[in-house]
Amino acid sequence: MDISEIIIGGMEANASDIHFIPFGQKARIFYRIRGILFPQVELETTAYQIFLQKIKANAQMNISEKRLPQDGILKDYGEAIRVSTLRSIHGESLVLRLFQKGMMKLEEIGLDERSQENLTSRLLEKTGISLISGETGMGKSTTLYAMMMMLRDKNFKVISIEDPVEREIDGIVQSQINDMAGLSYEKAIFAALRQDPDYIAIGEIRNKETANALIRSALTGHKVISTIHAHGYLNVKKRMMDFGIREEYLDTSLNMVMSQRLQTKGERRVLHAQFEFPEEFMD
């Protein structure tokens, strides 16, 4: 089995990710479909190493670096594929993040009419933070990109801060984090604020630095949209507080949390969304 067969197979199976997990003298391949890992085939170590070197070279990664984690982008399959490596005790683990059927507009991602209205109305409020939450592989990034395209089409200036930029969108200023060059989330966000944006989009809230920069942006009157690995308003709030964000700042700045779960019924993509708003939790 060659690289193309594995990647195209994952795309045809509507996988969100392809995982390569080395162990002993082999590497196991899994497709993540609707959040669940499904085992595929195994590769002998020699074949996997050749496969890994080709992927790293095509993704413009350092093929001689095997100790430190790396990220890259494959652009050979119609859609950009995010590549991530991590050293394990049995060698480098590899994950490919797939994107299906090109970028979708908001009305194409699988939301019902009422959910679209909920999302759009909160998104168009002038200030505050709108968050998309959910587990891995539930389509959060797809929703975020659809939101950005909708805002662009309404002639808003959107600046996105991403690590990495997964898809390029005409008409949106997209900035990629580069820690080695000193461009952190915090520096990129504060630079973006000086560019007079209507909206700042942050690929994912991963750490205290990003959470603090996001909150400071919202508290200065800017509209922020982002994704977070959590489920539901209370869990999102707890995770943000674990990042050191004060509860009163969250109560002031959060205006929507949309928890989403992706399902595929036949050829149809269905997105189940639960909307929660801060005022529902206030005394």
Protein backbone atom coordinates (compact mmCIF):
# COMPACT_ATOMS: atom_id res chain seq x y z
CA MET A 1 0.00 0.00 0.00
CA ASP A 2 1.47 3.38 -1.00
CA ILE A 3 0.95 6.89 0.35
CA SER A 4 -1.78 7.82 -2.11
CA GLU A 5 -3.83 4.69 -1.43
CA ILE A 6 -3.82 5.36 2.32
CA ILE A 7 -4.70 9.05 2.01
CA ILE A 8 -7.34 8.62 -0.70
CA GLY A 9 -8.80 5.71 1.27
CA GLY A 10 -9.12 7.98 4.28
CA MET A 11 -10.80 10.69 2.22
CA GLU A 12 -13.28 8.23 0.73
CA ALA A 13 -14.07 6.94 4.23
CA ASN A 14 -14.75 10.53 5.40
CA ALA A 15 -11.98 10.23 7.98
CA SER A 16 -10.97 13.40 9.80
CA ASP A 17 -7.47 12.04 10.58
CA ILE A 18 -5.14 9.20 9.66
CA HIS A 19 -2.98 7.90 12.55
CA PHE A 20 0.27 5.96 12.15
CA ILE A 21 1.34 4.39 15.45
CA PRO A 22 4.71 2.57 15.55
CA PHE A 23 5.20 -0.40 17.87
CA GLY A 24 7.84 -3.12 17.87
CA GLN A 25 8.74 -3.89 14.26
CA LYS A 26 5.53 -2.55 12.74
CA ALA A 27 3.33 0.54 12.49
CA ARG A 28 -0.47 0.41 12.73
CA ILE A 29 -2.68 2.65 10.63
CA PHE A 30 -6.03 3.95 11.88
CA TYR A 31 -8.73 6.16 10.34
CA ARG A 32 -10.57 8.47 12.75
CA ILE A 33 -14.19 8.60 11.60
CA ARG A 34 -16.77 10.60 13.62
CA GLY A 35 -14.38 10.66 16.55
CA ILE A 36 -13.65 6.89 16.63
CA LEU A 37 -10.41 5.19 15.56
CA PHE A 38 -10.86 2.31 13.09
CA PRO A 39 -7.83 0.03 12.48
CA GLN A 40 -6.75 -0.43 8.86
CA VAL A 41 -3.48 -2.13 7.93
CA GLU A 42 -0.03 -2.61 9.42
CA LEU A 43 3.29 -1.66 7.82
CA GLU A 44 6.66 -3.25 8.48
CA THR A 45 9.11 -0.84 10.12
CA THR A 46 11.25 -0.48 6.98
CA ALA A 47 8.22 0.33 4.80
CA TYR A 48 6.90 2.76 7.41
CA GLN A 49 10.23 4.61 7.62
CA ILE A 50 10.30 5.04 3.84
CA PHE A 51 6.67 6.20 3.94
CA LEU A 52 7.45 8.65 6.79
CA GLN A 53 10.45 10.16 4.98
CA LYS A 54 8.39 10.75 1.84
CA ILE A 55 5.60 12.43 3.80
CA LYS A 56 8.07 14.68 5.66
CA ALA A 57 9.85 15.65 2.45
CA ASN A 58 6.60 16.44 0.64
CA ALA A 59 5.38 18.46 3.64
CA GLN A 60 8.66 20.46 3.64
CA MET A 61 9.66 19.16 7.05
CA ASN A 62 13.20 18.39 8.22
CA ILE A 63 13.69 14.74 7.25
CA SER A 64 16.84 14.40 9.39
CA GLU A 65 15.08 15.61 12.57
CA LYS A 66 13.67 12.59 14.41
CA ARG A 67 13.81 13.71 18.04
CA LEU A 68 11.67 16.84 18.10
CA PRO A 69 7.99 17.15 17.06
CA GLN A 70 7.32 18.81 13.71
CA ASP A 71 4.34 20.18 11.78
CA GLY A 72 3.93 20.58 8.04
CA ILE A 73 1.41 20.80 5.21
CA LEU A 74 0.87 18.40 2.28
CA LYS A 75 -0.60 20.03 -0.83
CA ASP A 76 -0.65 17.11 -3.26
CA TYR A 77 -4.23 15.89 -2.86
CA GLY A 78 -6.44 18.80 -3.87
CA GLU A 79 -6.80 19.95 -0.25
CA ALA A 80 -4.05 20.90 2.19
CA ILE A 81 -3.38 18.08 4.66
CA ARG A 82 -1.86 18.94 8.03
CA VAL A 83 1.05 16.70 9.05
CA SER A 84 2.23 16.20 12.63
CA THR A 85 5.05 14.03 14.01
CA LEU A 86 5.93 13.11 17.59
CA ARG A 87 8.82 10.99 18.83
CA SER A 88 7.79 7.87 20.77
CA ILE A 89 9.82 5.04 22.29
CA HIS A 90 9.24 3.03 19.09
CA GLY A 91 9.99 5.85 16.65
CA GLU A 92 8.06 8.76 15.18
CA SER A 93 4.28 8.76 15.39
CA LEU A 94 2.54 10.43 12.43
CA VAL A 95 -0.91 12.02 12.12
CA LEU A 96 -2.46 13.43 8.96
CA ARG A 97 -5.44 15.81 9.35
CA LEU A 98 -7.74 15.51 6.34
CA PHE A 99 -10.27 17.99 5.00
CA GLN A 100 -13.26 16.82 3.01
CA LYS A 101 -14.93 18.27 -0.11
CA GLY A 102 -13.29 21.68 -0.04
CA MET A 103 -14.30 24.49 2.27
CA MET A 104 -17.99 24.59 3.10
CA LYS A 105 -20.20 27.60 3.52
CA LEU A 106 -22.19 27.97 6.71
CA GLU A 107 -25.33 26.64 5.07
CA GLU A 108 -23.43 23.55 3.84
CA ILE A 109 -21.85 22.25 7.05
CA GLY A 110 -24.94 20.34 8.17
CA LEU A 111 -26.68 22.68 10.62
CA ASP A 112 -30.46 22.87 10.65
CA GLU A 113 -32.12 26.21 9.93
CA ARG A 114 -32.69 27.17 13.57
CA SER A 115 -29.05 26.40 14.49
CA GLN A 116 -27.84 28.54 11.59
CA GLU A 117 -29.98 31.41 12.83
CA ASN A 118 -28.67 31.01 16.40
CA LEU A 119 -25.07 30.95 15.22
CA THR A 120 -25.44 33.88 12.83
CA SER A 121 -27.27 36.14 15.28
CA ARG A 122 -24.67 35.70 18.02
CA LEU A 123 -21.82 35.92 15.53
CA LEU A 124 -23.03 39.29 14.30
CA GLU A 125 -23.13 40.85 17.76
CA LYS A 126 -20.58 43.65 17.91
CA THR A 127 -18.48 42.39 20.84
CA GLY A 128 -17.77 39.23 22.80
CA ILE A 129 -16.37 35.75 22.26
CA SER A 130 -18.15 33.03 20.28
CA LEU A 131 -16.67 29.56 20.82
CA ILE A 132 -17.10 26.28 18.97
CA SER A 133 -16.52 23.35 21.33
CA GLY A 134 -16.40 19.60 20.91
CA GLU A 135 -14.20 16.54 20.77
CA THR A 136 -11.48 15.73 18.23
CA GLY A 137 -12.80 15.05 14.73
CA MET A 138 -16.17 16.74 15.29
CA GLY A 139 -15.68 19.40 12.60
CA LYS A 140 -14.85 22.43 14.76
CA SER A 141 -12.30 23.81 12.28
CA THR A 142 -14.73 23.33 9.39
CA THR A 143 -17.33 25.38 11.26
CA LEU A 144 -14.78 28.07 12.14
CA TYR A 145 -13.74 28.44 8.49
CA ALA A 146 -17.38 28.60 7.40
CA MET A 147 -17.95 31.38 9.95
CA MET A 148 -14.95 33.31 8.62
CA MET A 149 -16.19 33.04 5.03
CA MET A 150 -19.65 34.24 6.02
CA LEU A 151 -18.14 37.28 7.76
CA ARG A 152 -15.91 37.99 4.78
CA ASP A 153 -18.92 37.87 2.46
CA LYS A 154 -20.61 40.48 4.68
CA ASN A 155 -17.60 42.77 4.14
CA PHE A 156 -16.12 42.44 7.63
CA LYS A 157 -12.37 42.49 8.05
CA VAL A 158 -11.29 39.18 9.59
CA ILE A 159 -7.79 38.40 10.83
CA SER A 160 -7.06 34.78 11.74
CA ILE A 161 -4.24 33.57 13.97
CA GLU A 162 -3.53 29.90 13.28
CA ASP A 163 -0.99 27.19 14.07
CA PRO A 164 -0.72 26.17 11.31
CA VAL A 165 -2.87 27.84 8.62
CA GLU A 166 -4.86 24.83 7.45
CA ARG A 167 -6.68 26.38 4.49
CA GLU A 168 -6.18 29.61 2.61
CA ILE A 169 -9.21 31.91 2.27
CA ASP A 170 -9.25 34.80 -0.19
CA GLY A 171 -10.08 38.09 1.45
CA ILE A 172 -9.00 37.12 4.98
CA VAL A 173 -5.69 38.07 6.61
CA GLN A 174 -4.27 34.78 7.89
CA SER A 175 -1.24 34.79 10.17
CA GLN A 176 0.68 31.64 11.08
CA ILE A 177 2.35 31.21 14.47
CA ASN A 178 6.12 30.76 14.32
CA ASP A 179 7.54 30.13 17.79
CA MET A 180 11.08 29.65 16.46
CA ALA A 181 10.99 33.15 14.96
CA GLY A 182 9.43 34.59 18.11
CA LEU A 183 5.89 34.99 16.77
CA SER A 184 3.70 33.61 19.57
CA TYR A 185 -0.08 33.64 19.79
CA GLU A 186 0.09 36.58 22.18
CA LYS A 187 2.32 38.68 19.91
CA ALA A 188 0.29 37.81 16.81
CA ILE A 189 -3.02 38.69 18.48
CA PHE A 190 -1.82 42.04 19.79
CA ALA A 191 -0.32 42.86 16.38
CA ALA A 192 -3.67 41.95 14.80
CA LEU A 193 -5.45 44.41 17.09
CA ARG A 194 -3.43 47.24 15.52
CA GLN A 195 -4.70 46.22 12.06
CA ASP A 196 -8.24 47.48 12.80
CA PRO A 197 -10.07 44.14 12.44
CA ASP A 198 -13.80 43.63 12.83
CA TYR A 199 -13.18 40.04 13.93
CA ILE A 200 -10.20 38.06 15.21
CA ALA A 201 -10.33 34.31 14.61
CA ILE A 202 -8.05 32.07 16.67
CA GLY A 203 -7.60 28.52 15.41
CA GLU A 204 -7.75 26.92 18.85
CA ILE A 205 -7.46 27.91 22.51
CA ARG A 206 -4.70 25.58 23.69
CA ASN A 207 -2.95 27.25 26.58
CA LYS A 208 -2.90 30.05 29.12
CA GLU A 209 -1.11 32.46 26.79
CA THR A 210 -3.72 32.13 24.06
CA ALA A 211 -6.64 32.30 26.49
CA ASN A 212 -5.33 35.49 28.12
CA ALA A 213 -4.69 37.21 24.78
CA LEU A 214 -8.17 36.23 23.58
CA ILE A 215 -9.86 37.59 26.72
CA ARG A 216 -7.90 40.84 26.57
CA SER A 217 -8.97 41.30 22.94
CA ALA A 218 -12.63 40.81 23.85
CA LEU A 219 -12.47 43.10 26.87
CA THR A 220 -11.11 45.90 24.66
CA GLY A 221 -14.24 45.72 22.51
CA HIS A 222 -13.21 43.32 19.74
CA LYS A 223 -15.22 40.36 18.47
CA VAL A 224 -13.37 37.03 18.78
CA ILE A 225 -14.23 33.58 17.41
CA SER A 226 -12.34 30.40 18.20
CA THR A 227 -12.51 26.65 18.97
CA ILE A 228 -11.80 24.76 22.18
CA HIS A 229 -11.60 21.09 23.19
CA ALA A 230 -14.39 20.89 25.75
CA HIS A 231 -18.10 20.13 25.72
CA GLY A 232 -20.73 22.58 26.84
CA TYR A 233 -20.68 26.02 28.41
CA LEU A 234 -19.82 24.92 31.96
CA ASN A 235 -16.91 22.72 30.80
CA VAL A 236 -15.63 25.48 28.52
CA LYS A 237 -15.82 27.93 31.41
CA LYS A 238 -13.98 25.50 33.72
CA ARG A 239 -11.23 24.95 31.16
CA MET A 240 -10.77 28.68 30.64
CA MET A 241 -10.57 29.16 34.41
CA ASP A 242 -7.93 26.38 34.51
CA PHE A 243 -5.98 28.61 32.12
CA GLY A 244 -6.11 31.33 34.78
CA ILE A 245 -9.00 33.41 33.37
CA ARG A 246 -11.08 35.08 36.07
CA GLU A 247 -14.74 34.06 36.19
CA GLU A 248 -16.03 37.63 35.99
CA TYR A 249 -14.06 38.18 32.78
CA LEU A 250 -15.68 35.09 31.24
CA ASP A 251 -19.15 36.20 32.34
CA THR A 252 -18.51 39.58 30.73
CA SER A 253 -16.96 38.45 27.46
CA LEU A 254 -18.39 35.04 26.47
CA ASN A 255 -21.57 35.44 24.43
CA MET A 256 -22.00 31.94 22.96
CA VAL A 257 -20.74 28.38 23.21
CA MET A 258 -21.77 25.99 20.45
CA SER A 259 -21.06 22.33 21.23
CA GLN A 260 -21.07 20.21 18.10
CA ARG A 261 -21.06 16.53 17.23
CA LEU A 262 -20.64 15.27 13.67
CA GLN A 263 -22.41 12.28 12.18
CA THR A 264 -22.60 10.86 8.67
CA LYS A 265 -25.85 9.25 7.53
CA GLY A 266 -25.22 7.58 4.21
CA GLU A 267 -23.82 10.28 1.97
CA ARG A 268 -25.24 13.04 4.17
CA ARG A 269 -23.26 14.95 6.76
CA VAL A 270 -25.29 15.86 9.88
CA LEU A 271 -24.03 18.31 12.46
CA HIS A 272 -25.74 18.22 15.84
CA ALA A 273 -25.30 21.54 17.62
CA GLN A 274 -26.21 22.61 21.14
CA PHE A 275 -26.17 26.34 21.83
CA GLU A 276 -25.62 27.73 25.30
CA PHE A 277 -25.52 31.37 26.28
CA PRO A 278 -24.07 32.92 29.45
CA GLU A 279 -27.37 34.52 30.50
CA GLU A 280 -28.85 31.03 30.87
CA PHE A 281 -26.44 30.38 33.75
CA MET A 282 -26.84 33.67 35.56
CA ASP A 283 -28.88 33.97 38.76
